[in-house]
Amino acid sequence: MSKAKELREMNDEQLTAELNQTQQELFRLRFQASTEKLDAPSNLTKLRRTIARIKTLQHERRLAGVE
């Protein structure tokens, strides 16, 4: 789980890889939650926020490239 500052230092390929990894981890945690074997439910929220941060940075970079 990365902070926004750490994410901003990554290049586009690293951000994409981090996004894929985080989405896979979120999927695993959701599966655990459905089988009631999830230890820390707060991790779901943290992962969703990390995914949102990454997507926001990717969108900002796309907009900066258009201008």
N, C-alpha and C. Protein backbone atom coordinates (compact mmCIF):
# COMPACT_ATOMS: atom_id res chain seq x y z
N MET A 1 0.83 -1.16 0.00
CA MET A 1 0.00 0.00 0.00
C MET A 1 0.88 1.23 0.00
N SER A 2 0.73 1.98 -1.02
CA SER A 2 1.64 3.08 -1.28
C SER A 2 1.00 4.42 -0.97
N LYS A 3 1.84 5.32 -0.57
CA LYS A 3 1.40 6.70 -0.38
C LYS A 3 1.40 7.39 -1.73
N ALA A 4 0.71 8.51 -1.82
CA ALA A 4 0.61 9.24 -3.07
C ALA A 4 1.99 9.73 -3.53
N LYS A 5 2.84 10.13 -2.60
CA LYS A 5 4.17 10.61 -2.96
C LYS A 5 4.97 9.50 -3.62
N GLU A 6 4.90 8.30 -3.07
CA GLU A 6 5.62 7.16 -3.65
C GLU A 6 5.08 6.83 -5.03
N LEU A 7 3.77 6.93 -5.20
CA LEU A 7 3.16 6.62 -6.48
C LEU A 7 3.56 7.64 -7.54
N ARG A 8 3.67 8.91 -7.15
CA ARG A 8 4.03 9.96 -8.11
C ARG A 8 5.45 9.77 -8.64
N GLU A 9 6.32 9.12 -7.86
CA GLU A 9 7.70 8.89 -8.28
C GLU A 9 7.82 7.76 -9.28
N MET A 10 6.78 6.95 -9.44
CA MET A 10 6.82 5.83 -10.36
C MET A 10 6.55 6.29 -11.79
N ASN A 11 7.10 5.53 -12.76
CA ASN A 11 6.79 5.84 -14.15
C ASN A 11 5.49 5.11 -14.54
N ASP A 12 5.05 5.30 -15.76
CA ASP A 12 3.75 4.76 -16.19
C ASP A 12 3.69 3.24 -16.13
N GLU A 13 4.77 2.57 -16.53
CA GLU A 13 4.78 1.10 -16.51
C GLU A 13 4.70 0.57 -15.08
N GLN A 14 5.43 1.22 -14.17
CA GLN A 14 5.40 0.81 -12.78
C GLN A 14 4.01 1.03 -12.18
N LEU A 15 3.37 2.14 -12.53
CA LEU A 15 2.02 2.41 -12.03
C LEU A 15 1.04 1.35 -12.52
N THR A 16 1.16 0.97 -13.79
CA THR A 16 0.27 -0.05 -14.34
C THR A 16 0.48 -1.39 -13.63
N ALA A 17 1.74 -1.74 -13.39
CA ALA A 17 2.04 -2.99 -12.70
C ALA A 17 1.50 -2.95 -11.26
N GLU A 18 1.67 -1.82 -10.60
CA GLU A 18 1.17 -1.66 -9.23
C GLU A 18 -0.36 -1.76 -9.20
N LEU A 19 -1.01 -1.16 -10.19
CA LEU A 19 -2.47 -1.23 -10.28
C LEU A 19 -2.93 -2.68 -10.45
N ASN A 20 -2.30 -3.41 -11.35
CA ASN A 20 -2.67 -4.81 -11.56
C ASN A 20 -2.47 -5.64 -10.30
N GLN A 21 -1.35 -5.44 -9.64
CA GLN A 21 -1.06 -6.18 -8.41
C GLN A 21 -2.07 -5.86 -7.32
N THR A 22 -2.41 -4.60 -7.17
CA THR A 22 -3.36 -4.18 -6.14
C THR A 22 -4.75 -4.72 -6.43
N GLN A 23 -5.15 -4.71 -7.71
CA GLN A 23 -6.46 -5.25 -8.08
C GLN A 23 -6.54 -6.75 -7.81
N GLN A 24 -5.46 -7.48 -8.07
CA GLN A 24 -5.44 -8.91 -7.80
C GLN A 24 -5.52 -9.18 -6.31
N GLU A 25 -4.82 -8.38 -5.53
CA GLU A 25 -4.87 -8.54 -4.08
C GLU A 25 -6.27 -8.24 -3.54
N LEU A 26 -6.91 -7.20 -4.09
CA LEU A 26 -8.27 -6.86 -3.69
C LEU A 26 -9.23 -8.01 -4.01
N PHE A 27 -9.05 -8.62 -5.18
CA PHE A 27 -9.88 -9.76 -5.56
C PHE A 27 -9.73 -10.90 -4.55
N ARG A 28 -8.47 -11.20 -4.18
CA ARG A 28 -8.24 -12.27 -3.19
C ARG A 28 -8.89 -11.96 -1.85
N LEU A 29 -8.79 -10.70 -1.43
CA LEU A 29 -9.39 -10.33 -0.15
C LEU A 29 -10.91 -10.39 -0.21
N ARG A 30 -11.50 -10.00 -1.34
CA ARG A 30 -12.95 -10.09 -1.48
C ARG A 30 -13.40 -11.55 -1.42
N PHE A 31 -12.62 -12.42 -2.02
CA PHE A 31 -12.95 -13.84 -1.99
C PHE A 31 -12.88 -14.36 -0.56
N GLN A 32 -11.85 -13.96 0.18
CA GLN A 32 -11.73 -14.35 1.59
C GLN A 32 -12.90 -13.80 2.40
N ALA A 33 -13.31 -12.59 2.10
CA ALA A 33 -14.42 -11.98 2.83
C ALA A 33 -15.72 -12.74 2.58
N SER A 34 -15.89 -13.24 1.37
CA SER A 34 -17.12 -13.97 1.07
C SER A 34 -17.15 -15.33 1.75
N THR A 35 -15.98 -15.88 2.04
CA THR A 35 -15.93 -17.17 2.74
C THR A 35 -15.74 -16.98 4.23
N GLU A 36 -15.81 -15.72 4.69
CA GLU A 36 -15.74 -15.36 6.10
C GLU A 36 -14.42 -15.75 6.75
N LYS A 37 -13.33 -15.65 6.03
CA LYS A 37 -12.02 -15.94 6.59
C LYS A 37 -11.09 -14.74 6.50
N LEU A 38 -11.67 -13.55 6.48
CA LEU A 38 -10.89 -12.33 6.35
C LEU A 38 -10.47 -11.85 7.74
N ASP A 39 -9.16 -11.63 7.91
CA ASP A 39 -8.64 -11.22 9.22
C ASP A 39 -8.82 -9.72 9.47
N ALA A 40 -8.52 -8.91 8.45
CA ALA A 40 -8.58 -7.46 8.62
C ALA A 40 -9.45 -6.83 7.53
N PRO A 41 -10.72 -6.60 7.82
CA PRO A 41 -11.61 -6.01 6.83
C PRO A 41 -11.19 -4.61 6.38
N SER A 42 -10.42 -3.92 7.19
CA SER A 42 -9.98 -2.57 6.81
C SER A 42 -9.04 -2.59 5.61
N ASN A 43 -8.43 -3.73 5.32
CA ASN A 43 -7.55 -3.83 4.16
C ASN A 43 -8.31 -3.64 2.85
N LEU A 44 -9.59 -4.01 2.83
CA LEU A 44 -10.39 -3.80 1.63
C LEU A 44 -10.49 -2.31 1.30
N THR A 45 -10.73 -1.51 2.30
CA THR A 45 -10.84 -0.07 2.10
C THR A 45 -9.51 0.52 1.67
N LYS A 46 -8.43 0.08 2.30
CA LYS A 46 -7.10 0.59 1.97
C LYS A 46 -6.75 0.28 0.51
N LEU A 47 -7.06 -0.93 0.08
CA LEU A 47 -6.75 -1.30 -1.30
C LEU A 47 -7.59 -0.52 -2.30
N ARG A 48 -8.87 -0.32 -1.99
CA ARG A 48 -9.73 0.46 -2.89
C ARG A 48 -9.21 1.89 -3.02
N ARG A 49 -8.75 2.46 -1.92
CA ARG A 49 -8.22 3.82 -1.96
C ARG A 49 -6.92 3.89 -2.75
N THR A 50 -6.08 2.86 -2.61
CA THR A 50 -4.83 2.82 -3.37
C THR A 50 -5.12 2.73 -4.86
N ILE A 51 -6.10 1.91 -5.23
CA ILE A 51 -6.49 1.79 -6.64
C ILE A 51 -6.99 3.14 -7.15
N ALA A 52 -7.77 3.83 -6.35
CA ALA A 52 -8.28 5.14 -6.76
C ALA A 52 -7.15 6.14 -6.93
N ARG A 53 -6.15 6.11 -6.04
CA ARG A 53 -5.01 7.01 -6.17
C ARG A 53 -4.25 6.76 -7.48
N ILE A 54 -4.02 5.48 -7.78
CA ILE A 54 -3.28 5.13 -8.99
C ILE A 54 -4.05 5.58 -10.23
N LYS A 55 -5.34 5.32 -10.25
CA LYS A 55 -6.14 5.72 -11.41
C LYS A 55 -6.19 7.23 -11.55
N THR A 56 -6.22 7.95 -10.45
CA THR A 56 -6.21 9.41 -10.48
C THR A 56 -4.90 9.92 -11.07
N LEU A 57 -3.78 9.34 -10.65
CA LEU A 57 -2.49 9.75 -11.19
C LEU A 57 -2.40 9.46 -12.68
N GLN A 58 -2.89 8.31 -13.09
CA GLN A 58 -2.87 7.97 -14.52
C GLN A 58 -3.71 8.95 -15.32
N HIS A 59 -4.85 9.34 -14.78
CA HIS A 59 -5.72 10.30 -15.46
C HIS A 59 -5.04 11.67 -15.54
N GLU A 60 -4.41 12.10 -14.45
CA GLU A 60 -3.70 13.38 -14.45
C GLU A 60 -2.60 13.40 -15.50
N ARG A 61 -1.89 12.29 -15.62
CA ARG A 61 -0.80 12.22 -16.60
C ARG A 61 -1.34 12.23 -18.01
N ARG A 62 -2.47 11.58 -18.24
CA ARG A 62 -3.09 11.60 -19.58
C ARG A 62 -3.50 13.03 -19.94
N LEU A 63 -4.09 13.74 -18.99
CA LEU A 63 -4.50 15.11 -19.24
C LEU A 63 -3.31 16.01 -19.47
N ALA A 64 -2.24 15.80 -18.75
CA ALA A 64 -1.03 16.62 -18.92
C ALA A 64 -0.40 16.37 -20.29
N GLY A 65 -0.54 15.15 -20.80
CA GLY A 65 0.02 14.83 -22.10
C GLY A 65 -0.78 15.42 -23.24
N VAL A 66 -2.05 15.64 -23.04
CA VAL A 66 -2.92 16.19 -24.09
C VAL A 66 -2.64 17.67 -24.29
N GLU A 67 -2.37 18.37 -23.22
CA GLU A 67 -2.18 19.83 -23.29
C GLU A 67 -0.88 20.20 -23.92
